[in-house]
């Protein structure tokens, strides 16, 4: 009988510790992901609208994943850095 109560207390202790670490995060922290998704979607539409074949369309999709790199490169070129 003593083993059952000991196991029951262990389970309760495990539940209490896992609940501490599962706190809900602030939803404002996820706004950057949504903005990046909108940028990805816009870049994908832009690159796919200018394609002439399958491979250029595939390259357009790959470019739309890394569109911030092109943005930063263009800004640095604009300011002369």
C-alpha atoms as a PDB file:
ATOM      1  CA  UNK A   1       0.000   0.000   0.000  1.00  0.00           C
ATOM      2  CA  UNK A   2       2.822   2.409   0.727  1.00  0.00           C
ATOM      3  CA  UNK A   3       4.143   2.090  -2.818  1.00  0.00           C
ATOM      4  CA  UNK A   4       0.887   3.266  -4.387  1.00  0.00           C
ATOM      5  CA  UNK A   5       0.801   6.460  -2.372  1.00  0.00           C
ATOM      6  CA  UNK A   6       4.471   7.102  -3.063  1.00  0.00           C
ATOM      7  CA  UNK A   7       3.879   6.733  -6.820  1.00  0.00           C
ATOM      8  CA  UNK A   8       0.830   8.953  -6.610  1.00  0.00           C
ATOM      9  CA  UNK A   9       2.876  11.680  -4.934  1.00  0.00           C
ATOM     10  CA  UNK A  10       5.565  11.355  -7.591  1.00  0.00           C
ATOM     11  CA  UNK A  11       2.995  11.847 -10.331  1.00  0.00           C
ATOM     12  CA  UNK A  12       1.596  14.919  -8.611  1.00  0.00           C
ATOM     13  CA  UNK A  13       5.085  16.338  -8.242  1.00  0.00           C
ATOM     14  CA  UNK A  14       5.790  15.763 -11.925  1.00  0.00           C
ATOM     15  CA  UNK A  15       2.520  17.433 -12.899  1.00  0.00           C
ATOM     16  CA  UNK A  16       3.291  20.477 -10.777  1.00  0.00           C
ATOM     17  CA  UNK A  17       6.739  20.953 -12.277  1.00  0.00           C
ATOM     18  CA  UNK A  18       5.551  20.595 -15.855  1.00  0.00           C
ATOM     19  CA  UNK A  19       2.793  23.127 -15.348  1.00  0.00           C
ATOM     20  CA  UNK A  20       5.311  25.715 -14.211  1.00  0.00           C
ATOM     21  CA  UNK A  21       7.202  25.478 -17.496  1.00  0.00           C
ATOM     22  CA  UNK A  22       4.151  25.507 -19.749  1.00  0.00           C
ATOM     23  CA  UNK A  23       3.165  29.107 -19.200  1.00  0.00           C
ATOM     24  CA  UNK A  24       1.583  30.892 -22.109  1.00  0.00           C
ATOM     25  CA  UNK A  25       3.903  33.324 -23.838  1.00  0.00           C
ATOM     26  CA  UNK A  26       3.032  36.825 -24.834  1.00  0.00           C
ATOM     27  CA  UNK A  27       1.337  36.864 -28.242  1.00  0.00           C
ATOM     28  CA  UNK A  28       3.092  40.074 -29.286  1.00  0.00           C
ATOM     29  CA  UNK A  29       6.326  38.123 -29.593  1.00  0.00           C
ATOM     30  CA  UNK A  30       4.940  36.257 -32.610  1.00  0.00           C
ATOM     31  CA  UNK A  31       4.153  39.334 -34.680  1.00  0.00           C
ATOM     32  CA  UNK A  32       7.516  39.179 -36.464  1.00  0.00           C
ATOM     33  CA  UNK A  33       6.727  35.737 -37.817  1.00  0.00           C
ATOM     34  CA  UNK A  34       3.470  36.976 -39.299  1.00  0.00           C
ATOM     35  CA  UNK A  35       5.187  39.956 -40.917  1.00  0.00           C
ATOM     36  CA  UNK A  36       7.854  37.651 -42.341  1.00  0.00           C
ATOM     37  CA  UNK A  37       5.092  35.386 -43.705  1.00  0.00           C
ATOM     38  CA  UNK A  38       3.416  38.321 -45.417  1.00  0.00           C
ATOM     39  CA  UNK A  39       6.766  39.315 -46.916  1.00  0.00           C
ATOM     40  CA  UNK A  40       7.356  35.751 -48.057  1.00  0.00           C
ATOM     41  CA  UNK A  41       3.927  35.608 -49.636  1.00  0.00           C
ATOM     42  CA  UNK A  42       4.426  38.917 -51.435  1.00  0.00           C
ATOM     43  CA  UNK A  43       7.882  37.898 -52.650  1.00  0.00           C
ATOM     44  CA  UNK A  44       6.572  34.528 -53.847  1.00  0.00           C
ATOM     45  CA  UNK A  45       3.795  36.229 -55.812  1.00  0.00           C
ATOM     46  CA  UNK A  46       6.273  38.692 -57.314  1.00  0.00           C
ATOM     47  CA  UNK A  47       8.862  36.082 -58.280  1.00  0.00           C
ATOM     48  CA  UNK A  48       6.288  33.597 -59.576  1.00  0.00           C
ATOM     49  CA  UNK A  49       4.541  36.224 -61.692  1.00  0.00           C
ATOM     50  CA  UNK A  50       7.784  36.876 -63.598  1.00  0.00           C
ATOM     51  CA  UNK A  51       8.681  33.230 -64.279  1.00  0.00           C
ATOM     52  CA  UNK A  52       8.854  31.673 -67.701  1.00  0.00           C
ATOM     53  CA  UNK A  53       9.263  28.022 -66.772  1.00  0.00           C
ATOM     54  CA  UNK A  54       9.364  25.425 -64.038  1.00  0.00           C
ATOM     55  CA  UNK A  55      12.956  25.951 -62.949  1.00  0.00           C
ATOM     56  CA  UNK A  56      12.670  29.714 -62.810  1.00  0.00           C
ATOM     57  CA  UNK A  57       9.513  29.253 -60.724  1.00  0.00           C
ATOM     58  CA  UNK A  58      11.380  26.957 -58.348  1.00  0.00           C
ATOM     59  CA  UNK A  59      14.185  29.514 -58.125  1.00  0.00           C
ATOM     60  CA  UNK A  60      11.549  32.187 -57.419  1.00  0.00           C
ATOM     61  CA  UNK A  61      10.181  30.182 -54.497  1.00  0.00           C
ATOM     62  CA  UNK A  62      13.691  29.730 -53.112  1.00  0.00           C
ATOM     63  CA  UNK A  63      14.370  33.453 -53.498  1.00  0.00           C
ATOM     64  CA  UNK A  64      11.166  34.280 -51.644  1.00  0.00           C
ATOM     65  CA  UNK A  65      12.478  32.390 -48.600  1.00  0.00           C
ATOM     66  CA  UNK A  66      15.554  34.621 -48.422  1.00  0.00           C
ATOM     67  CA  UNK A  67      14.027  37.937 -49.470  1.00  0.00           C
ATOM     68  CA  UNK A  68      15.363  39.763 -46.368  1.00  0.00           C
ATOM     69  CA  UNK A  69      18.903  39.111 -47.620  1.00  0.00           C
ATOM     70  CA  UNK A  70      18.112  40.953 -50.856  1.00  0.00           C
ATOM     71  CA  UNK A  71      16.475  43.768 -48.893  1.00  0.00           C
ATOM     72  CA  UNK A  72      19.463  44.295 -46.593  1.00  0.00           C
ATOM     73  CA  UNK A  73      21.887  44.059 -49.519  1.00  0.00           C
ATOM     74  CA  UNK A  74      19.959  46.694 -51.434  1.00  0.00           C
ATOM     75  CA  UNK A  75      19.798  49.000 -48.416  1.00  0.00           C
ATOM     76  CA  UNK A  76      23.514  48.671 -47.766  1.00  0.00           C
ATOM     77  CA  UNK A  77      24.248  49.375 -51.432  1.00  0.00           C
ATOM     78  CA  UNK A  78      21.956  52.422 -51.269  1.00  0.00           C
ATOM     79  CA  UNK A  79      23.766  53.974 -48.310  1.00  0.00           C
ATOM     80  CA  UNK A  80      27.143  53.189 -49.834  1.00  0.00           C
ATOM     81  CA  UNK A  81      28.387  50.731 -47.244  1.00  0.00           C
END
